[in-house]
Amino acid sequence: QIREDLTEYIRVQRIGGLLYHIEGHLSEANTQLCRTIWQQ
């Protein structure tokens, strides 16, 4: 499980799309963020 307060770390490190693709255990908010990055 990945902590909910790591949104900025995920964004800065450019790994949101990857975490969504590999089905990382994310909070609902970070799942939405990573899905959006993956789509973009």
PDB file of all heavy atoms in Angstrom:
ATOM      1  N   GLN A   1       0.832  -1.202   0.000  1.00  0.00           N
ATOM      2  CA  GLN A   1       0.000   0.000   0.000  1.00  0.00           C
ATOM      3  C   GLN A   1       0.866   1.251   0.000  1.00  0.00           C
ATOM      4  O   GLN A   1       1.790   1.394   0.799  1.00  0.00           O
ATOM      5  CB  GLN A   1      -0.923   0.010   1.216  1.00  0.00           C
ATOM      6  CG  GLN A   1      -1.917   1.156   1.208  1.00  0.00           C
ATOM      7  CD  GLN A   1      -2.967   1.002   2.276  1.00  0.00           C
ATOM      8  OE1 GLN A   1      -2.953   0.056   3.061  1.00  0.00           O
ATOM      9  NE2 GLN A   1      -3.899   1.942   2.325  1.00  0.00           N
ATOM     10  N   ILE A   2       0.558   2.174  -0.897  1.00  0.00           N
ATOM     11  CA  ILE A   2       1.306   3.427  -1.034  1.00  0.00           C
ATOM     12  C   ILE A   2       0.547   4.539  -0.334  1.00  0.00           C
ATOM     13  O   ILE A   2      -0.645   4.728  -0.563  1.00  0.00           O
ATOM     14  CB  ILE A   2       1.527   3.755  -2.528  1.00  0.00           C
ATOM     15  CG1 ILE A   2       2.417   2.688  -3.168  1.00  0.00           C
ATOM     16  CG2 ILE A   2       2.140   5.138  -2.706  1.00  0.00           C
ATOM     17  CD1 ILE A   2       2.559   2.828  -4.671  1.00  0.00           C
ATOM     18  N   ARG A   3       1.245   5.282   0.497  1.00  0.00           N
ATOM     19  CA  ARG A   3       0.607   6.308   1.313  1.00  0.00           C
ATOM     20  C   ARG A   3      -0.069   7.367   0.455  1.00  0.00           C
ATOM     21  O   ARG A   3       0.400   7.733  -0.622  1.00  0.00           O
ATOM     22  CB  ARG A   3       1.630   6.968   2.230  1.00  0.00           C
ATOM     23  CG  ARG A   3       1.986   6.112   3.421  1.00  0.00           C
ATOM     24  CD  ARG A   3       3.108   6.666   4.253  1.00  0.00           C
ATOM     25  NE  ARG A   3       3.234   8.119   4.262  1.00  0.00           N
ATOM     26  CZ  ARG A   3       4.082   8.768   5.055  1.00  0.00           C
ATOM     27  NH1 ARG A   3       4.852   8.086   5.880  1.00  0.00           N
ATOM     28  NH2 ARG A   3       4.177  10.074   5.009  1.00  0.00           N
ATOM     29  N   GLU A   4      -1.167   7.905   0.981  1.00  0.00           N
ATOM     30  CA  GLU A   4      -1.962   8.893   0.253  1.00  0.00           C
ATOM     31  C   GLU A   4      -1.219  10.210   0.082  1.00  0.00           C
ATOM     32  O   GLU A   4      -1.448  10.951  -0.875  1.00  0.00           O
ATOM     33  CB  GLU A   4      -3.287   9.125   0.988  1.00  0.00           C
ATOM     34  CG  GLU A   4      -4.239  10.029   0.234  1.00  0.00           C
ATOM     35  CD  GLU A   4      -5.601  10.065   0.889  1.00  0.00           C
ATOM     36  OE1 GLU A   4      -5.758   9.500   1.998  1.00  0.00           O
ATOM     37  OE2 GLU A   4      -6.519  10.656   0.301  1.00  0.00           O
ATOM     38  N   ASP A   5      -0.297  10.535   1.013  1.00  0.00           N
ATOM     39  CA  ASP A   5       0.361  11.840   0.982  1.00  0.00           C
ATOM     40  C   ASP A   5       1.581  11.872   0.049  1.00  0.00           C
ATOM     41  O   ASP A   5       2.379  12.807   0.113  1.00  0.00           O
ATOM     42  CB  ASP A   5       0.778  12.271   2.391  1.00  0.00           C
ATOM     43  CG  ASP A   5       1.762  11.306   3.054  1.00  0.00           C
ATOM     44  OD1 ASP A   5       2.059  10.250   2.452  1.00  0.00           O
ATOM     45  OD2 ASP A   5       2.224  11.606   4.169  1.00  0.00           O
ATOM     46  N   LEU A   6       1.712  10.879  -0.824  1.00  0.00           N
ATOM     47  CA  LEU A   6       2.851  10.841  -1.738  1.00  0.00           C
ATOM     48  C   LEU A   6       2.506  11.349  -3.138  1.00  0.00           C
ATOM     49  O   LEU A   6       3.239  11.105  -4.088  1.00  0.00           O
ATOM     50  CB  LEU A   6       3.401   9.422  -1.838  1.00  0.00           C
ATOM     51  CG  LEU A   6       4.096   8.918  -0.565  1.00  0.00           C
ATOM     52  CD1 LEU A   6       4.482   7.469  -0.710  1.00  0.00           C
ATOM     53  CD2 LEU A   6       5.319   9.753  -0.246  1.00  0.00           C
ATOM     54  N   THR A   7       1.410  12.083  -3.243  1.00  0.00           N
ATOM     55  CA  THR A   7       0.971  12.588  -4.546  1.00  0.00           C
ATOM     56  C   THR A   7       2.062  13.382  -5.244  1.00  0.00           C
ATOM     57  O   THR A   7       2.344  13.171  -6.430  1.00  0.00           O
ATOM     58  CB  THR A   7      -0.274  13.473  -4.382  1.00  0.00           C
ATOM     59  OG1 THR A   7      -1.320  12.695  -3.799  1.00  0.00           O
ATOM     60  CG2 THR A   7      -0.738  14.020  -5.726  1.00  0.00           C
ATOM     61  N   GLU A   8       2.691  14.296  -4.532  1.00  0.00           N
ATOM     62  CA  GLU A   8       3.702  15.149  -5.160  1.00  0.00           C
ATOM     63  C   GLU A   8       4.931  14.339  -5.555  1.00  0.00           C
ATOM     64  O   GLU A   8       5.538  14.588  -6.610  1.00  0.00           O
ATOM     65  CB  GLU A   8       4.100  16.289  -4.216  1.00  0.00           C
ATOM     66  CG  GLU A   8       5.017  17.332  -4.846  1.00  0.00           C
ATOM     67  CD  GLU A   8       4.405  18.028  -6.059  1.00  0.00           C
ATOM     68  OE1 GLU A   8       3.170  18.016  -6.203  1.00  0.00           O
ATOM     69  OE2 GLU A   8       5.176  18.583  -6.865  1.00  0.00           O
ATOM     70  N   TYR A   9       5.302  13.379  -4.741  1.00  0.00           N
ATOM     71  CA  TYR A   9       6.445  12.530  -5.078  1.00  0.00           C
ATOM     72  C   TYR A   9       6.167  11.757  -6.363  1.00  0.00           C
ATOM     73  O   TYR A   9       7.020  11.658  -7.243  1.00  0.00           O
ATOM     74  CB  TYR A   9       6.728  11.569  -3.930  1.00  0.00           C
ATOM     75  CG  TYR A   9       7.986  10.743  -4.123  1.00  0.00           C
ATOM     76  CD1 TYR A   9       9.238  11.349  -4.112  1.00  0.00           C
ATOM     77  CD2 TYR A   9       7.915   9.370  -4.323  1.00  0.00           C
ATOM     78  CE1 TYR A   9      10.400  10.594  -4.283  1.00  0.00           C
ATOM     79  CE2 TYR A   9       9.061   8.609  -4.497  1.00  0.00           C
ATOM     80  CZ  TYR A   9      10.297   9.223  -4.482  1.00  0.00           C
ATOM     81  OH  TYR A   9      11.444   8.488  -4.661  1.00  0.00           O
ATOM     82  N   ILE A  10       4.979  11.195  -6.471  1.00  0.00           N
ATOM     83  CA  ILE A  10       4.586  10.452  -7.674  1.00  0.00           C
ATOM     84  C   ILE A  10       4.635  11.364  -8.892  1.00  0.00           C
ATOM     85  O   ILE A  10       5.117  10.984  -9.960  1.00  0.00           O
ATOM     86  CB  ILE A  10       3.179   9.854  -7.491  1.00  0.00           C
ATOM     87  CG1 ILE A  10       3.209   8.736  -6.440  1.00  0.00           C
ATOM     88  CG2 ILE A  10       2.626   9.340  -8.812  1.00  0.00           C
ATOM     89  CD1 ILE A  10       1.835   8.256  -6.013  1.00  0.00           C
ATOM     90  N   ARG A  11       4.160  12.594  -8.723  1.00  0.00           N
ATOM     91  CA  ARG A  11       4.122  13.523  -9.844  1.00  0.00           C
ATOM     92  C   ARG A  11       5.529  13.955 -10.254  1.00  0.00           C
ATOM     93  O   ARG A  11       5.887  13.927 -11.433  1.00  0.00           O
ATOM     94  CB  ARG A  11       3.291  14.763  -9.459  1.00  0.00           C
ATOM     95  CG  ARG A  11       2.937  15.665 -10.637  1.00  0.00           C
ATOM     96  CD  ARG A  11       2.390  16.999 -10.133  1.00  0.00           C
ATOM     97  NE  ARG A  11       1.294  16.824  -9.205  1.00  0.00           N
ATOM     98  CZ  ARG A  11       0.021  16.685  -9.565  1.00  0.00           C
ATOM     99  NH1 ARG A  11      -0.299  16.664 -10.845  1.00  0.00           N
ATOM    100  NH2 ARG A  11      -0.931  16.554  -8.649  1.00  0.00           N
ATOM    101  N   VAL A  12       6.341  14.366  -9.279  1.00  0.00           N
ATOM    102  CA  VAL A  12       7.692  14.845  -9.581  1.00  0.00           C
ATOM    103  C   VAL A  12       8.543  13.745 -10.197  1.00  0.00           C
ATOM    104  O   VAL A  12       9.331  13.984 -11.116  1.00  0.00           O
ATOM    105  CB  VAL A  12       8.361  15.398  -8.302  1.00  0.00           C
ATOM    106  CG1 VAL A  12       9.850  15.628  -8.513  1.00  0.00           C
ATOM    107  CG2 VAL A  12       7.687  16.700  -7.882  1.00  0.00           C
ATOM    108  N   GLN A  13       8.376  12.512  -9.719  1.00  0.00           N
ATOM    109  CA  GLN A  13       9.179  11.405 -10.224  1.00  0.00           C
ATOM    110  C   GLN A  13       8.595  10.775 -11.496  1.00  0.00           C
ATOM    111  O   GLN A  13       9.153   9.801 -12.014  1.00  0.00           O
ATOM    112  CB  GLN A  13       9.353  10.337  -9.141  1.00  0.00           C
ATOM    113  CG  GLN A  13      10.092  10.824  -7.907  1.00  0.00           C
ATOM    114  CD  GLN A  13      11.533  11.210  -8.195  1.00  0.00           C
ATOM    115  OE1 GLN A  13      12.052  10.930  -9.264  1.00  0.00           O
ATOM    116  NE2 GLN A  13      12.184  11.871  -7.254  1.00  0.00           N
ATOM    117  N   ARG A  14       7.516  11.319 -12.004  1.00  0.00           N
ATOM    118  CA  ARG A  14       6.958  10.947 -13.311  1.00  0.00           C
ATOM    119  C   ARG A  14       6.609   9.462 -13.416  1.00  0.00           C
ATOM    120  O   ARG A  14       6.815   8.837 -14.457  1.00  0.00           O
ATOM    121  CB  ARG A  14       7.934  11.318 -14.430  1.00  0.00           C
ATOM    122  CG  ARG A  14       8.375  12.769 -14.423  1.00  0.00           C
ATOM    123  CD  ARG A  14       9.324  13.040 -15.577  1.00  0.00           C
ATOM    124  NE  ARG A  14       9.987  14.342 -15.419  1.00  0.00           N
ATOM    125  CZ  ARG A  14      10.913  14.790 -16.249  1.00  0.00           C
ATOM    126  NH1 ARG A  14      11.284  14.075 -17.298  1.00  0.00           N
ATOM    127  NH2 ARG A  14      11.480  15.968 -16.046  1.00  0.00           N
ATOM    128  N   ILE A  15       6.093   8.896 -12.355  1.00  0.00           N
ATOM    129  CA  ILE A  15       5.813   7.462 -12.363  1.00  0.00           C
ATOM    130  C   ILE A  15       4.326   7.160 -12.212  1.00  0.00           C
ATOM    131  O   ILE A  15       3.946   6.007 -12.023  1.00  0.00           O
ATOM    132  CB  ILE A  15       6.595   6.746 -11.239  1.00  0.00           C
ATOM    133  CG1 ILE A  15       6.303   7.393  -9.881  1.00  0.00           C
ATOM    134  CG2 ILE A  15       8.081   6.737 -11.539  1.00  0.00           C
ATOM    135  CD1 ILE A  15       6.880   6.622  -8.713  1.00  0.00           C
ATOM    136  N   GLY A  16       3.477   8.194 -12.328  1.00  0.00           N
ATOM    137  CA  GLY A  16       2.039   7.974 -12.147  1.00  0.00           C
ATOM    138  C   GLY A  16       1.466   6.992 -13.157  1.00  0.00           C
ATOM    139  O   GLY A  16       0.704   6.088 -12.797  1.00  0.00           O
ATOM    140  N   GLY A  17       1.803   7.176 -14.431  1.00  0.00           N
ATOM    141  CA  GLY A  17       1.291   6.271 -15.460  1.00  0.00           C
ATOM    142  C   GLY A  17       1.736   4.838 -15.232  1.00  0.00           C
ATOM    143  O   GLY A  17       0.956   3.891 -15.448  1.00  0.00           O
ATOM    144  N   LEU A  18       2.975   4.660 -14.792  1.00  0.00           N
ATOM    145  CA  LEU A  18       3.496   3.325 -14.544  1.00  0.00           C
ATOM    146  C   LEU A  18       2.790   2.680 -13.351  1.00  0.00           C
ATOM    147  O   LEU A  18       2.410   1.507 -13.403  1.00  0.00           O
ATOM    148  CB  LEU A  18       5.006   3.383 -14.299  1.00  0.00           C
ATOM    149  CG  LEU A  18       5.688   2.049 -13.989  1.00  0.00           C
ATOM    150  CD1 LEU A  18       5.455   1.040 -15.107  1.00  0.00           C
ATOM    151  CD2 LEU A  18       7.181   2.249 -13.742  1.00  0.00           C
ATOM    152  N   LEU A  19       2.606   3.437 -12.269  1.00  0.00           N
ATOM    153  CA  LEU A  19       1.922   2.874 -11.101  1.00  0.00           C
ATOM    154  C   LEU A  19       0.497   2.457 -11.450  1.00  0.00           C
ATOM    155  O   LEU A  19      -0.005   1.439 -10.945  1.00  0.00           O
ATOM    156  CB  LEU A  19       1.909   3.894  -9.956  1.00  0.00           C
ATOM    157  CG  LEU A  19       3.260   4.165  -9.280  1.00  0.00           C
ATOM    158  CD1 LEU A  19       3.124   5.249  -8.232  1.00  0.00           C
ATOM    159  CD2 LEU A  19       3.834   2.883  -8.664  1.00  0.00           C
ATOM    160  N   TYR A  20      -0.155   3.209 -12.318  1.00  0.00           N
ATOM    161  CA  TYR A  20      -1.501   2.822 -12.750  1.00  0.00           C
ATOM    162  C   TYR A  20      -1.437   1.552 -13.598  1.00  0.00           C
ATOM    163  O   TYR A  20      -2.224   0.619 -13.395  1.00  0.00           O
ATOM    164  CB  TYR A  20      -2.147   3.959 -13.547  1.00  0.00           C
ATOM    165  CG  TYR A  20      -3.545   3.619 -14.022  1.00  0.00           C
ATOM    166  CD1 TYR A  20      -4.621   3.619 -13.142  1.00  0.00           C
ATOM    167  CD2 TYR A  20      -3.778   3.279 -15.350  1.00  0.00           C
ATOM    168  CE1 TYR A  20      -5.893   3.282 -13.568  1.00  0.00           C
ATOM    169  CE2 TYR A  20      -5.054   2.947 -15.794  1.00  0.00           C
ATOM    170  CZ  TYR A  20      -6.107   2.949 -14.904  1.00  0.00           C
ATOM    171  OH  TYR A  20      -7.364   2.621 -15.327  1.00  0.00           O
ATOM    172  N   HIS A  21      -0.491   1.487 -14.520  1.00  0.00           N
ATOM    173  CA  HIS A  21      -0.367   0.330 -15.414  1.00  0.00           C
ATOM    174  C   HIS A  21      -0.083  -0.953 -14.641  1.00  0.00           C
ATOM    175  O   HIS A  21      -0.639  -2.018 -14.964  1.00  0.00           O
ATOM    176  CB  HIS A  21       0.747   0.586 -16.432  1.00  0.00           C
ATOM    177  CG  HIS A  21       1.118  -0.608 -17.248  1.00  0.00           C
ATOM    178  ND1 HIS A  21       0.243  -1.226 -18.111  1.00  0.00           N
ATOM    179  CD2 HIS A  21       2.288  -1.310 -17.314  1.00  0.00           C
ATOM    180  CE1 HIS A  21       0.853  -2.261 -18.682  1.00  0.00           C
ATOM    181  NE2 HIS A  21       2.082  -2.330 -18.216  1.00  0.00           N
ATOM    182  N   ILE A  22       0.767  -0.885 -13.618  1.00  0.00           N
ATOM    183  CA  ILE A  22       1.147  -2.101 -12.889  1.00  0.00           C
ATOM    184  C   ILE A  22       0.238  -2.354 -11.692  1.00  0.00           C
ATOM    185  O   ILE A  22       0.511  -3.228 -10.870  1.00  0.00           O
ATOM    186  CB  ILE A  22       2.621  -2.040 -12.435  1.00  0.00           C
ATOM    187  CG1 ILE A  22       2.849  -0.937 -11.393  1.00  0.00           C
ATOM    188  CG2 ILE A  22       3.537  -1.838 -13.637  1.00  0.00           C
ATOM    189  CD1 ILE A  22       4.280  -0.892 -10.858  1.00  0.00           C
ATOM    190  N   GLU A  23      -0.836  -1.558 -11.601  1.00  0.00           N
ATOM    191  CA  GLU A  23      -1.846  -1.740 -10.562  1.00  0.00           C
ATOM    192  C   GLU A  23      -1.260  -1.585  -9.169  1.00  0.00           C
ATOM    193  O   GLU A  23      -1.407  -2.444  -8.295  1.00  0.00           O
ATOM    194  CB  GLU A  23      -2.539  -3.107 -10.720  1.00  0.00           C
ATOM    195  CG  GLU A  23      -3.244  -3.256 -12.059  1.00  0.00           C
ATOM    196  CD  GLU A  23      -3.932  -4.598 -12.229  1.00  0.00           C
ATOM    197  OE1 GLU A  23      -3.598  -5.555 -11.490  1.00  0.00           O
ATOM    198  OE2 GLU A  23      -4.808  -4.692 -13.091  1.00  0.00           O
ATOM    199  N   GLY A  24      -0.587  -0.438  -8.980  1.00  0.00           N
ATOM    200  CA  GLY A  24      -0.091  -0.118  -7.651  1.00  0.00           C
ATOM    201  C   GLY A  24      -1.232   0.043  -6.666  1.00  0.00           C
ATOM    202  O   GLY A  24      -2.337   0.460  -7.034  1.00  0.00           O
ATOM    203  N   HIS A  25      -0.967  -0.292  -5.404  1.00  0.00           N
ATOM    204  CA  HIS A  25      -1.983  -0.198  -4.345  1.00  0.00           C
ATOM    205  C   HIS A  25      -2.054   1.264  -3.881  1.00  0.00           C
ATOM    206  O   HIS A  25      -1.353   1.674  -2.952  1.00  0.00           O
ATOM    207  CB  HIS A  25      -1.613  -1.128  -3.194  1.00  0.00           C
ATOM    208  CG  HIS A  25      -2.702  -1.288  -2.181  1.00  0.00           C
ATOM    209  ND1 HIS A  25      -2.613  -2.178  -1.134  1.00  0.00           N
ATOM    210  CD2 HIS A  25      -3.907  -0.682  -2.049  1.00  0.00           C
ATOM    211  CE1 HIS A  25      -3.699  -2.098  -0.396  1.00  0.00           C
ATOM    212  NE2 HIS A  25      -4.497  -1.199  -0.926  1.00  0.00           N
ATOM    213  N   LEU A  26      -2.917   2.045  -4.536  1.00  0.00           N
ATOM    214  CA  LEU A  26      -2.985   3.485  -4.331  1.00  0.00           C
ATOM    215  C   LEU A  26      -4.282   3.888  -3.652  1.00  0.00           C
ATOM    216  O   LEU A  26      -5.293   3.165  -3.717  1.00  0.00           O
ATOM    217  CB  LEU A  26      -2.892   4.203  -5.687  1.00  0.00           C
ATOM    218  CG  LEU A  26      -1.638   3.951  -6.517  1.00  0.00           C
ATOM    219  CD1 LEU A  26      -1.911   4.232  -7.989  1.00  0.00           C
ATOM    220  CD2 LEU A  26      -0.500   4.824  -6.007  1.00  0.00           C
ATOM    221  N   SER A  27      -4.272   5.071  -3.025  1.00  0.00           N
ATOM    222  CA  SER A  27      -5.499   5.638  -2.499  1.00  0.00           C
ATOM    223  C   SER A  27      -6.418   6.012  -3.663  1.00  0.00           C
ATOM    224  O   SER A  27      -5.989   6.060  -4.830  1.00  0.00           O
ATOM    225  CB  SER A  27      -5.198   6.886  -1.673  1.00  0.00           C
ATOM    226  OG  SER A  27      -4.702   7.919  -2.525  1.00  0.00           O
ATOM    227  N   GLU A  28      -7.669   6.299  -3.384  1.00  0.00           N
ATOM    228  CA  GLU A  28      -8.606   6.657  -4.455  1.00  0.00           C
ATOM    229  C   GLU A  28      -8.146   7.905  -5.196  1.00  0.00           C
ATOM    230  O   GLU A  28      -8.174   7.955  -6.435  1.00  0.00           O
ATOM    231  CB  GLU A  28     -10.006   6.883  -3.875  1.00  0.00           C
ATOM    232  CG  GLU A  28     -11.040   7.218  -4.944  1.00  0.00           C
ATOM    233  CD  GLU A  28     -12.438   7.377  -4.366  1.00  0.00           C
ATOM    234  OE1 GLU A  28     -12.635   7.054  -3.176  1.00  0.00           O
ATOM    235  OE2 GLU A  28     -13.343   7.819  -5.102  1.00  0.00           O
ATOM    236  N   ALA A  29      -7.688   8.912  -4.442  1.00  0.00           N
ATOM    237  CA  ALA A  29      -7.251  10.160  -5.077  1.00  0.00           C
ATOM    238  C   ALA A  29      -6.031   9.919  -5.954  1.00  0.00           C
ATOM    239  O   ALA A  29      -5.952  10.427  -7.079  1.00  0.00           O
ATOM    240  CB  ALA A  29      -6.938  11.207  -4.014  1.00  0.00           C
ATOM    241  N   ASN A  30      -5.076   9.147  -5.466  1.00  0.00           N
ATOM    242  CA  ASN A  30      -3.877   8.884  -6.266  1.00  0.00           C
ATOM    243  C   ASN A  30      -4.161   7.944  -7.435  1.00  0.00           C
ATOM    244  O   ASN A  30      -3.488   8.027  -8.470  1.00  0.00           O
ATOM    245  CB  ASN A  30      -2.762   8.320  -5.383  1.00  0.00           C
ATOM    246  CG  ASN A  30      -2.052   9.408  -4.590  1.00  0.00           C
ATOM    247  OD1 ASN A  30      -2.067  10.573  -4.979  1.00  0.00           O
ATOM    248  ND2 ASN A  30      -1.452   9.033  -3.469  1.00  0.00           N
ATOM    249  N   THR A  31      -5.142   7.065  -7.280  1.00  0.00           N
ATOM    250  CA  THR A  31      -5.555   6.238  -8.417  1.00  0.00           C
ATOM    251  C   THR A  31      -6.092   7.113  -9.540  1.00  0.00           C
ATOM    252  O   THR A  31      -5.765   6.926 -10.719  1.00  0.00           O
ATOM    253  CB  THR A  31      -6.617   5.212  -7.995  1.00  0.00           C
ATOM    254  OG1 THR A  31      -6.053   4.319  -7.037  1.00  0.00           O
ATOM    255  CG2 THR A  31      -7.110   4.410  -9.194  1.00  0.00           C
ATOM    256  N   GLN A  32      -6.911   8.095  -9.178  1.00  0.00           N
ATOM    257  CA  GLN A  32      -7.458   9.012 -10.183  1.00  0.00           C
ATOM    258  C   GLN A  32      -6.339   9.817 -10.841  1.00  0.00           C
ATOM    259  O   GLN A  32      -6.329  10.008 -12.068  1.00  0.00           O
ATOM    260  CB  GLN A  32      -8.475   9.942  -9.538  1.00  0.00           C
ATOM    261  CG  GLN A  32      -9.741   9.231  -9.082  1.00  0.00           C
ATOM    262  CD  GLN A  32     -10.714  10.149  -8.358  1.00  0.00           C
ATOM    263  OE1 GLN A  32     -10.414  11.315  -8.089  1.00  0.00           O
ATOM    264  NE2 GLN A  32     -11.884   9.643  -8.028  1.00  0.00           N
ATOM    265  N   LEU A  33      -5.387  10.299 -10.034  1.00  0.00           N
ATOM    266  CA  LEU A  33      -4.252  11.043 -10.576  1.00  0.00           C
ATOM    267  C   LEU A  33      -3.464  10.179 -11.554  1.00  0.00           C
ATOM    268  O   LEU A  33      -3.166  10.609 -12.676  1.00  0.00           O
ATOM    269  CB  LEU A  33      -3.331  11.504  -9.439  1.00  0.00           C
ATOM    270  CG  LEU A  33      -1.954  12.029  -9.875  1.00  0.00           C
ATOM    271  CD1 LEU A  33      -2.095  13.381 -10.575  1.00  0.00           C
ATOM    272  CD2 LEU A  33      -1.013  12.138  -8.675  1.00  0.00           C
ATOM    273  N   CYS A  34      -3.132   8.965 -11.139  1.00  0.00           N
ATOM    274  CA  CYS A  34      -2.304   8.096 -11.976  1.00  0.00           C
ATOM    275  C   CYS A  34      -3.039   7.661 -13.235  1.00  0.00           C
ATOM    276  O   CYS A  34      -2.430   7.540 -14.304  1.00  0.00           O
ATOM    277  CB  CYS A  34      -1.837   6.887 -11.170  1.00  0.00           C
ATOM    278  SG  CYS A  34      -0.665   7.312  -9.841  1.00  0.00           S
ATOM    279  N   ARG A  35      -4.354   7.448 -13.113  1.00  0.00           N
ATOM    280  CA  ARG A  35      -5.137   7.112 -14.309  1.00  0.00           C
ATOM    281  C   ARG A  35      -5.121   8.266 -15.295  1.00  0.00           C
ATOM    282  O   ARG A  35      -4.953   8.059 -16.509  1.00  0.00           O
ATOM    283  CB  ARG A  35      -6.573   6.788 -13.920  1.00  0.00           C
ATOM    284  CG  ARG A  35      -7.442   6.392 -15.143  1.00  0.00           C
ATOM    285  CD  ARG A  35      -8.919   6.331 -14.799  1.00  0.00           C
ATOM    286  NE  ARG A  35      -9.186   5.339 -13.782  1.00  0.00           N
ATOM    287  CZ  ARG A  35      -9.680   5.622 -12.578  1.00  0.00           C
ATOM    288  NH1 ARG A  35      -9.937   6.874 -12.228  1.00  0.00           N
ATOM    289  NH2 ARG A  35      -9.926   4.659 -11.720  1.00  0.00           N
ATOM    290  N   THR A  36      -5.261   9.481 -14.802  1.00  0.00           N
ATOM    291  CA  THR A  36      -5.239  10.659 -15.670  1.00  0.00           C
ATOM    292  C   THR A  36      -3.887  10.795 -16.358  1.00  0.00           C
ATOM    293  O   THR A  36      -3.808  11.073 -17.558  1.00  0.00           O
ATOM    294  CB  THR A  36      -5.545  11.932 -14.864  1.00  0.00           C
ATOM    295  OG1 THR A  36      -6.871  11.829 -14.317  1.00  0.00           O
ATOM    296  CG2 THR A  36      -5.465  13.174 -15.746  1.00  0.00           C
ATOM    297  N   ILE A  37      -2.795  10.596 -15.606  1.00  0.00           N
ATOM    298  CA  ILE A  37      -1.453  10.670 -16.198  1.00  0.00           C
ATOM    299  C   ILE A  37      -1.287   9.593 -17.254  1.00  0.00           C
ATOM    300  O   ILE A  37      -0.748   9.848 -18.335  1.00  0.00           O
ATOM    301  CB  ILE A  37      -0.381  10.541 -15.096  1.00  0.00           C
ATOM    302  CG1 ILE A  37      -0.427  11.762 -14.163  1.00  0.00           C
ATOM    303  CG2 ILE A  37       1.016  10.402 -15.711  1.00  0.00           C
ATOM    304  CD1 ILE A  37       0.468  11.639 -12.949  1.00  0.00           C
ATOM    305  N   TRP A  38      -1.762   8.375 -16.968  1.00  0.00           N
ATOM    306  CA  TRP A  38      -1.671   7.286 -17.939  1.00  0.00           C
ATOM    307  C   TRP A  38      -2.416   7.636 -19.224  1.00  0.00           C
ATOM    308  O   TRP A  38      -1.921   7.423 -20.331  1.00  0.00           O
ATOM    309  CB  TRP A  38      -2.239   6.002 -17.331  1.00  0.00           C
ATOM    310  CG  TRP A  38      -2.140   4.810 -18.229  1.00  0.00           C
ATOM    311  CD1 TRP A  38      -1.105   3.932 -18.328  1.00  0.00           C
ATOM    312  CD2 TRP A  38      -3.124   4.379 -19.170  1.00  0.00           C
ATOM    313  NE1 TRP A  38      -1.383   2.972 -19.277  1.00  0.00           N
ATOM    314  CE2 TRP A  38      -2.607   3.222 -19.808  1.00  0.00           C
ATOM    315  CE3 TRP A  38      -4.387   4.847 -19.530  1.00  0.00           C
ATOM    316  CZ2 TRP A  38      -3.319   2.535 -20.785  1.00  0.00           C
ATOM    317  CZ3 TRP A  38      -5.098   4.164 -20.511  1.00  0.00           C
ATOM    318  CH2 TRP A  38      -4.557   3.023 -21.131  1.00  0.00           C
ATOM    319  N   GLN A  39      -3.598   8.208 -19.079  1.00  0.00           N
ATOM    320  CA  GLN A  39      -4.386   8.596 -20.256  1.00  0.00           C
ATOM    321  C   GLN A  39      -3.689   9.701 -21.047  1.00  0.00           C
ATOM    322  O   GLN A  39      -3.657   9.663 -22.278  1.00  0.00           O
ATOM    323  CB  GLN A  39      -5.784   9.053 -19.814  1.00  0.00           C
ATOM    324  CG  GLN A  39      -6.645   7.931 -19.258  1.00  0.00           C
ATOM    325  CD  GLN A  39      -7.927   8.426 -18.606  1.00  0.00           C
ATOM    326  OE1 GLN A  39      -8.013   9.589 -18.167  1.00  0.00           O
ATOM    327  NE2 GLN A  39      -8.927   7.567 -18.528  1.00  0.00           N
ATOM    328  N   GLN A  40      -3.116  10.660 -20.338  1.00  0.00           N
ATOM    329  CA  GLN A  40      -2.400  11.750 -21.012  1.00  0.00           C
ATOM    330  C   GLN A  40      -1.173  11.220 -21.744  1.00  0.00           C
ATOM    331  O   GLN A  40      -0.902  11.610 -22.882  1.00  0.00           O
ATOM    332  CB  GLN A  40      -1.996  12.814 -19.988  1.00  0.00           C
ATOM    333  CG  GLN A  40      -3.159  13.591 -19.409  1.00  0.00           C
ATOM    334  CD  GLN A  40      -2.755  14.493 -18.255  1.00  0.00           C
ATOM    335  OE1 GLN A  40      -1.678  14.317 -17.653  1.00  0.00           O
ATOM    336  NE2 GLN A  40      -3.585  15.453 -17.922  1.00  0.00           N
TER     337      GLN A  40
END
